[in-house]
N, C-alpha and C. Protein backbone atom coordinates (compact mmCIF):
# COMPACT_ATOMS: atom_id res chain seq x y z
N MET A 1 -83.09 -31.57 -159.69
CA MET A 1 -84.48 -31.21 -159.85
C MET A 1 -85.34 -31.73 -158.71
N LEU A 2 -85.06 -32.95 -158.21
CA LEU A 2 -85.84 -33.49 -157.11
C LEU A 2 -85.45 -32.88 -155.77
N LYS A 3 -84.39 -32.08 -155.77
CA LYS A 3 -83.98 -31.47 -154.52
C LYS A 3 -84.80 -30.22 -154.20
N ASN A 4 -85.49 -29.67 -155.17
CA ASN A 4 -86.33 -28.50 -154.96
C ASN A 4 -87.57 -28.97 -154.16
N LYS A 5 -87.81 -28.37 -153.03
CA LYS A 5 -88.92 -28.79 -152.17
C LYS A 5 -90.27 -28.59 -152.84
N ASN A 6 -90.43 -27.56 -153.63
CA ASN A 6 -91.71 -27.33 -154.32
C ASN A 6 -92.00 -28.43 -155.33
N VAL A 7 -90.97 -28.88 -156.04
CA VAL A 7 -91.15 -29.95 -157.02
C VAL A 7 -91.51 -31.24 -156.30
N GLN A 8 -90.83 -31.53 -155.20
CA GLN A 8 -91.12 -32.74 -154.43
C GLN A 8 -92.54 -32.71 -153.88
N LEU A 9 -92.96 -31.59 -153.41
CA LEU A 9 -94.31 -31.43 -152.86
C LEU A 9 -95.35 -31.63 -153.96
N ALA A 10 -95.14 -31.03 -155.12
CA ALA A 10 -96.09 -31.16 -156.23
C ALA A 10 -96.19 -32.61 -156.69
N ILE A 11 -95.07 -33.31 -156.77
CA ILE A 11 -95.07 -34.71 -157.18
C ILE A 11 -95.79 -35.56 -156.13
N GLY A 12 -95.56 -35.30 -154.88
CA GLY A 12 -96.21 -36.04 -153.79
C GLY A 12 -97.73 -35.86 -153.81
N VAL A 13 -98.17 -34.62 -153.97
CA VAL A 13 -99.61 -34.34 -154.04
C VAL A 13 -100.21 -35.01 -155.26
N GLY A 14 -99.51 -34.97 -156.39
CA GLY A 14 -100.00 -35.61 -157.61
C GLY A 14 -100.15 -37.10 -157.45
N VAL A 15 -99.20 -37.75 -156.80
CA VAL A 15 -99.25 -39.20 -156.57
C VAL A 15 -100.43 -39.54 -155.65
N ILE A 16 -100.58 -38.78 -154.60
CA ILE A 16 -101.68 -39.03 -153.65
C ILE A 16 -103.04 -38.86 -154.34
N LEU A 17 -103.19 -37.80 -155.13
CA LEU A 17 -104.45 -37.59 -155.85
C LEU A 17 -104.72 -38.71 -156.84
N ALA A 18 -103.67 -39.15 -157.54
CA ALA A 18 -103.83 -40.25 -158.50
C ALA A 18 -104.28 -41.52 -157.79
N ILE A 19 -103.73 -41.82 -156.63
CA ILE A 19 -104.12 -43.01 -155.87
C ILE A 19 -105.57 -42.88 -155.39
N LEU A 20 -105.93 -41.72 -154.86
CA LEU A 20 -107.30 -41.52 -154.38
C LEU A 20 -108.32 -41.63 -155.50
N PHE A 21 -108.11 -40.92 -156.61
CA PHE A 21 -109.07 -40.98 -157.73
C PHE A 21 -109.13 -42.38 -158.33
N GLY A 22 -107.98 -43.02 -158.46
CA GLY A 22 -107.95 -44.38 -159.01
C GLY A 22 -108.71 -45.35 -158.13
N GLY A 23 -108.52 -45.25 -156.83
CA GLY A 23 -109.23 -46.11 -155.88
C GLY A 23 -110.73 -45.85 -155.89
N TYR A 24 -111.10 -44.57 -155.97
CA TYR A 24 -112.52 -44.24 -156.01
C TYR A 24 -113.19 -44.86 -157.23
N PHE A 25 -112.61 -44.66 -158.40
CA PHE A 25 -113.21 -45.19 -159.63
C PHE A 25 -113.21 -46.72 -159.64
N LEU A 26 -112.20 -47.34 -159.05
CA LEU A 26 -112.15 -48.79 -158.96
C LEU A 26 -113.27 -49.31 -158.07
N ILE A 27 -113.47 -48.69 -156.91
CA ILE A 27 -114.53 -49.11 -155.98
C ILE A 27 -115.91 -48.76 -156.53
N ALA A 28 -116.07 -47.57 -157.08
CA ALA A 28 -117.37 -47.16 -157.62
C ALA A 28 -117.78 -48.03 -158.78
N GLY A 29 -116.86 -48.46 -159.58
CA GLY A 29 -117.18 -49.32 -160.72
C GLY A 29 -117.66 -50.68 -160.28
N LYS A 30 -117.15 -51.22 -159.17
CA LYS A 30 -117.54 -52.55 -158.70
C LYS A 30 -118.86 -52.52 -157.94
N SER A 31 -119.20 -51.41 -157.32
CA SER A 31 -120.38 -51.38 -156.46
C SER A 31 -121.64 -50.90 -157.17
N LYS A 32 -121.66 -50.95 -158.46
CA LYS A 32 -122.86 -50.52 -159.17
C LYS A 32 -123.98 -51.51 -158.89
N THR A 33 -125.08 -50.99 -158.44
CA THR A 33 -126.24 -51.82 -158.18
C THR A 33 -127.31 -51.45 -159.19
N PRO A 34 -128.16 -52.41 -159.52
CA PRO A 34 -129.22 -52.08 -160.48
C PRO A 34 -130.16 -51.04 -159.86
N PRO A 35 -130.80 -50.23 -160.70
CA PRO A 35 -131.72 -49.23 -160.16
C PRO A 35 -132.88 -49.92 -159.43
N PRO A 36 -133.40 -49.29 -158.39
CA PRO A 36 -134.48 -49.92 -157.63
C PRO A 36 -135.74 -50.06 -158.48
N VAL A 37 -136.48 -51.13 -158.22
CA VAL A 37 -137.74 -51.34 -158.90
C VAL A 37 -138.75 -50.37 -158.30
N VAL A 38 -139.39 -49.60 -159.15
CA VAL A 38 -140.36 -48.61 -158.69
C VAL A 38 -141.70 -49.30 -158.51
N GLU A 39 -142.15 -49.31 -157.27
CA GLU A 39 -143.46 -49.86 -156.95
C GLU A 39 -144.33 -48.72 -156.48
N GLU A 40 -145.63 -48.99 -156.41
CA GLU A 40 -146.54 -47.96 -155.93
C GLU A 40 -146.21 -47.66 -154.48
N SER A 41 -145.93 -46.43 -154.20
CA SER A 41 -145.54 -46.00 -152.87
C SER A 41 -146.74 -46.04 -151.93
N GLU A 42 -146.45 -46.26 -150.65
CA GLU A 42 -147.51 -46.22 -149.65
C GLU A 42 -148.06 -44.81 -149.51
N ASP A 43 -147.30 -43.81 -149.99
CA ASP A 43 -147.73 -42.43 -149.88
C ASP A 43 -148.77 -42.05 -150.92
N VAL A 44 -149.00 -42.92 -151.92
CA VAL A 44 -149.98 -42.62 -152.95
C VAL A 44 -151.37 -42.73 -152.32
N VAL A 45 -152.14 -41.68 -152.46
CA VAL A 45 -153.49 -41.65 -151.90
C VAL A 45 -154.47 -41.53 -153.05
N HIS A 46 -155.42 -42.45 -153.07
CA HIS A 46 -156.44 -42.47 -154.11
C HIS A 46 -157.70 -41.77 -153.58
N GLU A 47 -158.47 -41.23 -154.49
CA GLU A 47 -159.73 -40.60 -154.10
C GLU A 47 -160.84 -41.64 -154.12
N LEU A 48 -161.74 -41.54 -153.17
CA LEU A 48 -162.91 -42.41 -153.08
C LEU A 48 -164.09 -41.49 -152.82
N SER A 49 -165.13 -41.59 -153.61
CA SER A 49 -166.25 -40.67 -153.47
C SER A 49 -167.15 -41.07 -152.31
N PRO A 50 -167.79 -40.09 -151.68
CA PRO A 50 -168.75 -40.39 -150.61
C PRO A 50 -169.86 -41.33 -151.09
N LYS A 51 -170.23 -41.19 -152.36
CA LYS A 51 -171.29 -42.03 -152.92
C LYS A 51 -170.85 -43.49 -152.97
N ASP A 52 -169.58 -43.74 -153.34
CA ASP A 52 -169.06 -45.12 -153.37
C ASP A 52 -169.10 -45.77 -151.99
N LEU A 53 -168.94 -44.98 -150.95
CA LEU A 53 -168.98 -45.49 -149.58
C LEU A 53 -170.39 -45.59 -149.03
N GLY A 54 -171.33 -44.91 -149.67
CA GLY A 54 -172.68 -44.81 -149.10
C GLY A 54 -172.65 -43.96 -147.84
N LEU A 55 -171.87 -42.87 -147.88
CA LEU A 55 -171.67 -42.01 -146.72
C LEU A 55 -172.87 -41.12 -146.49
N SER A 56 -173.32 -41.08 -145.23
CA SER A 56 -174.40 -40.18 -144.85
C SER A 56 -174.16 -39.68 -143.42
N PHE A 57 -174.89 -38.64 -143.05
CA PHE A 57 -174.76 -38.03 -141.73
C PHE A 57 -176.10 -38.10 -141.01
N ASP A 58 -176.04 -38.04 -139.70
CA ASP A 58 -177.24 -37.99 -138.88
C ASP A 58 -177.01 -36.95 -137.79
N LEU A 59 -177.98 -36.09 -137.56
CA LEU A 59 -177.91 -35.06 -136.53
C LEU A 59 -178.85 -35.44 -135.40
N SER A 60 -178.40 -35.31 -134.17
CA SER A 60 -179.26 -35.63 -133.03
C SER A 60 -180.44 -34.67 -133.00
N PRO A 61 -181.58 -35.08 -132.42
CA PRO A 61 -182.76 -34.21 -132.38
C PRO A 61 -182.51 -32.84 -131.74
N ASP A 62 -181.57 -32.78 -130.77
CA ASP A 62 -181.29 -31.50 -130.13
C ASP A 62 -180.26 -30.68 -130.90
N GLY A 63 -179.69 -31.24 -131.99
CA GLY A 63 -178.74 -30.53 -132.84
C GLY A 63 -177.36 -30.36 -132.22
N LYS A 64 -177.06 -31.11 -131.16
CA LYS A 64 -175.79 -30.94 -130.45
C LYS A 64 -174.78 -32.03 -130.77
N LYS A 65 -175.19 -33.05 -131.50
CA LYS A 65 -174.32 -34.17 -131.81
C LYS A 65 -174.55 -34.59 -133.26
N VAL A 66 -173.51 -35.20 -133.82
CA VAL A 66 -173.61 -35.69 -135.19
C VAL A 66 -172.91 -37.04 -135.26
N LYS A 67 -173.33 -37.87 -136.20
CA LYS A 67 -172.62 -39.11 -136.48
C LYS A 67 -172.64 -39.33 -137.98
N PHE A 68 -171.70 -40.13 -138.45
CA PHE A 68 -171.67 -40.46 -139.87
C PHE A 68 -171.79 -41.96 -140.03
N ILE A 69 -172.36 -42.35 -141.15
CA ILE A 69 -172.62 -43.75 -141.46
C ILE A 69 -171.98 -44.08 -142.80
N ILE A 70 -171.26 -45.20 -142.85
CA ILE A 70 -170.70 -45.70 -144.11
C ILE A 70 -171.42 -47.01 -144.39
N LYS A 71 -172.21 -47.03 -145.42
CA LYS A 71 -173.04 -48.21 -145.74
C LYS A 71 -172.23 -49.33 -146.38
N ASN A 72 -171.10 -49.02 -147.04
CA ASN A 72 -170.33 -50.03 -147.74
C ASN A 72 -168.90 -50.08 -147.18
N ILE A 73 -168.66 -51.00 -146.25
CA ILE A 73 -167.31 -51.12 -145.68
C ILE A 73 -166.57 -52.35 -146.21
N THR A 74 -167.09 -52.96 -147.25
CA THR A 74 -166.46 -54.15 -147.81
C THR A 74 -165.01 -53.85 -148.20
N GLY A 75 -164.08 -54.65 -147.69
CA GLY A 75 -162.66 -54.51 -148.00
C GLY A 75 -161.94 -53.44 -147.19
N ILE A 76 -162.66 -52.68 -146.37
CA ILE A 76 -162.03 -51.61 -145.59
C ILE A 76 -161.35 -52.21 -144.37
N GLU A 77 -160.08 -51.84 -144.19
CA GLU A 77 -159.28 -52.34 -143.08
C GLU A 77 -159.24 -51.35 -141.92
N SER A 78 -159.21 -50.05 -142.24
CA SER A 78 -159.19 -49.04 -141.18
C SER A 78 -159.75 -47.72 -141.70
N ILE A 79 -160.26 -46.93 -140.75
CA ILE A 79 -160.83 -45.62 -141.06
C ILE A 79 -160.34 -44.63 -140.01
N GLU A 80 -159.76 -43.52 -140.46
CA GLU A 80 -159.44 -42.40 -139.59
C GLU A 80 -160.31 -41.24 -140.05
N TYR A 81 -160.83 -40.47 -139.10
CA TYR A 81 -161.70 -39.35 -139.49
C TYR A 81 -161.28 -38.06 -138.82
N GLN A 82 -161.59 -36.98 -139.53
CA GLN A 82 -161.40 -35.63 -139.00
C GLN A 82 -162.64 -34.84 -139.36
N LEU A 83 -163.32 -34.38 -138.35
CA LEU A 83 -164.54 -33.60 -138.51
C LEU A 83 -164.22 -32.17 -138.11
N THR A 84 -164.45 -31.20 -138.98
CA THR A 84 -164.17 -29.80 -138.66
C THR A 84 -165.40 -28.95 -138.92
N TYR A 85 -165.51 -27.87 -138.15
CA TYR A 85 -166.63 -26.96 -138.32
C TYR A 85 -166.29 -25.61 -137.72
N GLU A 86 -167.04 -24.59 -138.12
CA GLU A 86 -166.91 -23.26 -137.52
C GLU A 86 -168.05 -23.06 -136.55
N ALA A 87 -167.75 -22.39 -135.44
CA ALA A 87 -168.76 -22.10 -134.43
C ALA A 87 -168.54 -20.69 -133.91
N ASP A 88 -169.55 -20.17 -133.24
CA ASP A 88 -169.41 -18.87 -132.57
C ASP A 88 -168.40 -19.02 -131.43
N SER A 89 -167.51 -18.07 -131.29
CA SER A 89 -166.56 -18.14 -130.19
C SER A 89 -167.28 -17.83 -128.88
N THR A 90 -166.76 -18.36 -127.81
CA THR A 90 -167.37 -18.13 -126.49
C THR A 90 -167.01 -16.73 -126.01
N ALA A 91 -167.71 -16.28 -124.98
CA ALA A 91 -167.42 -14.97 -124.40
C ALA A 91 -165.98 -14.92 -123.88
N GLN A 92 -165.52 -16.02 -123.27
CA GLN A 92 -164.15 -16.08 -122.76
C GLN A 92 -163.14 -15.97 -123.91
N GLU A 93 -163.38 -16.66 -125.01
CA GLU A 93 -162.49 -16.60 -126.17
C GLU A 93 -162.44 -15.18 -126.74
N GLN A 94 -163.58 -14.51 -126.78
CA GLN A 94 -163.61 -13.14 -127.30
C GLN A 94 -162.86 -12.19 -126.36
N ARG A 95 -162.98 -12.41 -125.05
CA ARG A 95 -162.22 -11.58 -124.10
C ARG A 95 -160.72 -11.81 -124.28
N ASP A 96 -160.35 -13.02 -124.70
CA ASP A 96 -158.94 -13.34 -124.93
C ASP A 96 -158.45 -12.91 -126.31
N GLY A 97 -159.32 -12.22 -127.08
CA GLY A 97 -158.91 -11.68 -128.37
C GLY A 97 -159.26 -12.53 -129.57
N SER A 98 -160.09 -13.53 -129.40
CA SER A 98 -160.47 -14.42 -130.51
C SER A 98 -161.41 -13.71 -131.49
N GLU A 99 -161.43 -14.23 -132.70
CA GLU A 99 -162.38 -13.76 -133.71
C GLU A 99 -163.79 -14.19 -133.30
N PRO A 100 -164.83 -13.61 -133.89
CA PRO A 100 -166.21 -14.00 -133.55
C PRO A 100 -166.53 -15.46 -133.93
N ARG A 101 -165.84 -15.98 -134.95
CA ARG A 101 -166.04 -17.38 -135.36
C ARG A 101 -164.72 -18.12 -135.20
N VAL A 102 -164.78 -19.34 -134.69
CA VAL A 102 -163.58 -20.14 -134.47
C VAL A 102 -163.74 -21.51 -135.11
N GLN A 103 -162.61 -22.10 -135.45
CA GLN A 103 -162.57 -23.43 -136.05
C GLN A 103 -162.50 -24.47 -134.93
N ARG A 104 -163.30 -25.49 -135.04
CA ARG A 104 -163.30 -26.59 -134.07
C ARG A 104 -163.08 -27.90 -134.82
N GLY A 105 -162.69 -28.94 -134.11
CA GLY A 105 -162.47 -30.21 -134.78
C GLY A 105 -162.53 -31.39 -133.86
N ILE A 106 -162.79 -32.54 -134.46
CA ILE A 106 -162.83 -33.82 -133.75
C ILE A 106 -162.10 -34.82 -134.63
N THR A 107 -161.18 -35.57 -134.04
CA THR A 107 -160.49 -36.61 -134.80
C THR A 107 -160.67 -37.94 -134.09
N GLY A 108 -160.55 -39.01 -134.87
CA GLY A 108 -160.68 -40.32 -134.26
C GLY A 108 -160.44 -41.42 -135.27
N GLU A 109 -160.49 -42.63 -134.76
CA GLU A 109 -160.37 -43.82 -135.58
C GLU A 109 -161.60 -44.68 -135.37
N ALA A 110 -162.08 -45.26 -136.44
CA ALA A 110 -163.26 -46.12 -136.36
C ALA A 110 -162.85 -47.48 -135.81
N GLU A 111 -163.70 -48.03 -134.98
CA GLU A 111 -163.50 -49.40 -134.52
C GLU A 111 -164.43 -50.28 -135.36
N LEU A 112 -163.83 -50.96 -136.32
CA LEU A 112 -164.61 -51.75 -137.26
C LEU A 112 -164.89 -53.14 -136.73
N ASP A 113 -166.11 -53.59 -136.95
CA ASP A 113 -166.49 -54.98 -136.69
C ASP A 113 -166.63 -55.61 -138.07
N PHE A 114 -165.70 -56.49 -138.40
CA PHE A 114 -165.62 -57.01 -139.76
C PHE A 114 -166.78 -57.93 -140.12
N GLU A 115 -167.65 -58.22 -139.16
CA GLU A 115 -168.84 -59.01 -139.48
C GLU A 115 -169.96 -58.11 -139.99
N ASP A 116 -169.85 -56.80 -139.75
CA ASP A 116 -170.88 -55.86 -140.19
C ASP A 116 -170.63 -55.45 -141.63
N SER A 117 -171.68 -55.04 -142.30
CA SER A 117 -171.54 -54.55 -143.68
C SER A 117 -171.53 -53.03 -143.74
N GLU A 118 -171.75 -52.39 -142.57
CA GLU A 118 -171.69 -50.93 -142.53
C GLU A 118 -171.08 -50.48 -141.21
N TYR A 119 -170.66 -49.20 -141.19
CA TYR A 119 -170.09 -48.61 -139.98
C TYR A 119 -170.89 -47.39 -139.60
N GLU A 120 -171.21 -47.28 -138.32
CA GLU A 120 -171.90 -46.11 -137.79
C GLU A 120 -171.04 -45.56 -136.65
N SER A 121 -170.59 -44.32 -136.81
CA SER A 121 -169.75 -43.72 -135.76
C SER A 121 -170.58 -43.50 -134.50
N PRO A 122 -169.91 -43.34 -133.38
CA PRO A 122 -170.65 -42.93 -132.18
C PRO A 122 -171.11 -41.48 -132.37
N TRP A 123 -172.03 -41.04 -131.51
CA TRP A 123 -172.43 -39.64 -131.54
C TRP A 123 -171.21 -38.79 -131.18
N LEU A 124 -170.93 -37.79 -131.98
CA LEU A 124 -169.79 -36.89 -131.77
C LEU A 124 -170.33 -35.54 -131.32
N ASP A 125 -169.90 -35.11 -130.12
CA ASP A 125 -170.39 -33.86 -129.55
C ASP A 125 -169.85 -32.66 -130.31
N LEU A 126 -170.73 -31.74 -130.65
CA LEU A 126 -170.34 -30.47 -131.25
C LEU A 126 -170.11 -29.49 -130.11
N GLY A 127 -169.02 -29.70 -129.41
CA GLY A 127 -168.68 -28.93 -128.23
C GLY A 127 -167.64 -29.69 -127.45
N SER A 128 -167.50 -29.35 -126.18
CA SER A 128 -166.54 -30.06 -125.34
C SER A 128 -167.23 -30.54 -124.08
N CYS A 129 -166.84 -31.73 -123.66
CA CYS A 129 -167.43 -32.33 -122.47
C CYS A 129 -166.32 -32.80 -121.54
N SER A 130 -166.55 -32.64 -120.24
CA SER A 130 -165.64 -33.20 -119.25
C SER A 130 -166.43 -33.41 -117.96
N VAL A 131 -166.23 -34.54 -117.34
CA VAL A 131 -166.86 -34.92 -116.08
C VAL A 131 -168.36 -34.57 -116.08
N ASN A 132 -169.08 -35.13 -117.03
CA ASN A 132 -170.53 -34.99 -117.13
C ASN A 132 -171.03 -33.57 -117.37
N VAL A 133 -170.15 -32.65 -117.75
CA VAL A 133 -170.55 -31.29 -118.07
C VAL A 133 -170.14 -31.01 -119.51
N CYS A 134 -171.14 -30.67 -120.34
CA CYS A 134 -170.85 -30.38 -121.75
C CYS A 134 -171.17 -28.93 -122.06
N ARG A 135 -170.31 -28.33 -122.85
CA ARG A 135 -170.55 -26.98 -123.36
C ARG A 135 -170.65 -27.10 -124.88
N TYR A 136 -171.84 -27.02 -125.39
CA TYR A 136 -172.06 -27.22 -126.83
C TYR A 136 -171.82 -25.92 -127.58
N ASP A 137 -171.24 -26.06 -128.77
CA ASP A 137 -170.98 -24.91 -129.62
C ASP A 137 -172.27 -24.38 -130.21
N LYS A 138 -172.30 -23.07 -130.41
CA LYS A 138 -173.45 -22.42 -131.03
C LYS A 138 -173.05 -21.90 -132.41
N GLY A 139 -174.00 -21.77 -133.28
CA GLY A 139 -173.76 -21.19 -134.60
C GLY A 139 -173.14 -22.14 -135.62
N VAL A 140 -173.19 -23.44 -135.36
CA VAL A 140 -172.64 -24.41 -136.30
C VAL A 140 -173.61 -24.52 -137.49
N GLU A 141 -173.09 -24.29 -138.69
CA GLU A 141 -173.94 -24.31 -139.88
C GLU A 141 -173.63 -25.48 -140.80
N SER A 142 -172.37 -25.91 -140.82
CA SER A 142 -171.99 -27.06 -141.65
C SER A 142 -170.80 -27.77 -141.03
N ILE A 143 -170.65 -29.02 -141.42
CA ILE A 143 -169.58 -29.86 -140.89
C ILE A 143 -168.84 -30.48 -142.06
N ASP A 144 -167.52 -30.39 -142.04
CA ASP A 144 -166.69 -31.03 -143.07
C ASP A 144 -166.10 -32.30 -142.48
N LEU A 145 -166.23 -33.38 -143.23
CA LEU A 145 -165.69 -34.66 -142.80
C LEU A 145 -164.63 -35.11 -143.79
N THR A 146 -163.45 -35.44 -143.27
CA THR A 146 -162.36 -35.98 -144.08
C THR A 146 -162.06 -37.37 -143.56
N LEU A 147 -162.04 -38.33 -144.47
CA LEU A 147 -161.76 -39.72 -144.11
C LEU A 147 -160.47 -40.18 -144.76
N LYS A 148 -159.67 -40.91 -144.00
CA LYS A 148 -158.51 -41.63 -144.55
C LYS A 148 -158.85 -43.10 -144.37
N ILE A 149 -158.97 -43.80 -145.48
CA ILE A 149 -159.42 -45.19 -145.47
C ILE A 149 -158.35 -46.08 -146.07
N VAL A 150 -158.06 -47.18 -145.39
CA VAL A 150 -157.19 -48.20 -145.97
C VAL A 150 -158.11 -49.34 -146.39
N LYS A 151 -158.08 -49.61 -147.68
CA LYS A 151 -158.97 -50.62 -148.26
C LYS A 151 -158.15 -51.48 -149.20
N GLU A 152 -158.11 -52.77 -148.90
CA GLU A 152 -157.38 -53.74 -149.72
C GLU A 152 -155.93 -53.30 -149.94
N GLY A 153 -155.32 -52.77 -148.87
CA GLY A 153 -153.91 -52.40 -148.91
C GLY A 153 -153.61 -51.04 -149.52
N LYS A 154 -154.60 -50.34 -150.02
CA LYS A 154 -154.39 -49.01 -150.61
C LYS A 154 -155.02 -47.95 -149.72
N THR A 155 -154.43 -46.75 -149.75
CA THR A 155 -154.93 -45.64 -148.96
C THR A 155 -155.84 -44.76 -149.81
N TYR A 156 -157.00 -44.43 -149.26
CA TYR A 156 -157.99 -43.60 -149.95
C TYR A 156 -158.31 -42.37 -149.10
N HIS A 157 -158.76 -41.34 -149.79
CA HIS A 157 -159.11 -40.07 -149.17
C HIS A 157 -160.53 -39.72 -149.63
N THR A 158 -161.35 -39.31 -148.68
CA THR A 158 -162.73 -38.93 -148.99
C THR A 158 -163.09 -37.68 -148.20
N GLU A 159 -163.78 -36.77 -148.84
CA GLU A 159 -164.27 -35.57 -148.14
C GLU A 159 -165.75 -35.37 -148.45
N ASP A 160 -166.47 -34.86 -147.47
CA ASP A 160 -167.89 -34.53 -147.67
C ASP A 160 -168.26 -33.44 -146.69
N THR A 161 -169.32 -32.70 -147.01
CA THR A 161 -169.82 -31.63 -146.16
C THR A 161 -171.27 -31.90 -145.83
N PHE A 162 -171.61 -31.68 -144.57
CA PHE A 162 -172.98 -31.86 -144.09
C PHE A 162 -173.50 -30.50 -143.65
N GLU A 163 -174.55 -30.05 -144.31
CA GLU A 163 -175.18 -28.76 -143.96
C GLU A 163 -176.24 -29.00 -142.90
N LEU A 164 -176.19 -28.21 -141.82
CA LEU A 164 -177.18 -28.36 -140.74
C LEU A 164 -178.43 -27.58 -141.02
């Protein structure tokens, strides 16, 4: 019976599989680790209202710049901002096939002085500037501000809209 090559092959494969499965279950049984402790993930983002921050906007007298003010920065470690708005597209953009209205944006990080009780952003140009030449956007009607704030180790999200 053992002289039949098929029988020998089947027995050999069976022995090898038995050793592999036995070894796997032996190793898997010893390496069981307790389930990880679930803590609040850094990815959890909490909402913070503009009112809680004392958030307000200021428009320059010529209407070409805007800044935002946060009256309550107590406990705030960092602020990232994204300011977006729609404007009339330029003649060049329209020649290149752009829609009559285009989306514009400004991003940045606040430089906090922890001795202050409030933060006032620098004036943010509603347009583009380079080498003392600015091209200001026309037709801006409202500005959306999104803030990512780290306060006391937690991440917060705030949005507000400023109508011009």
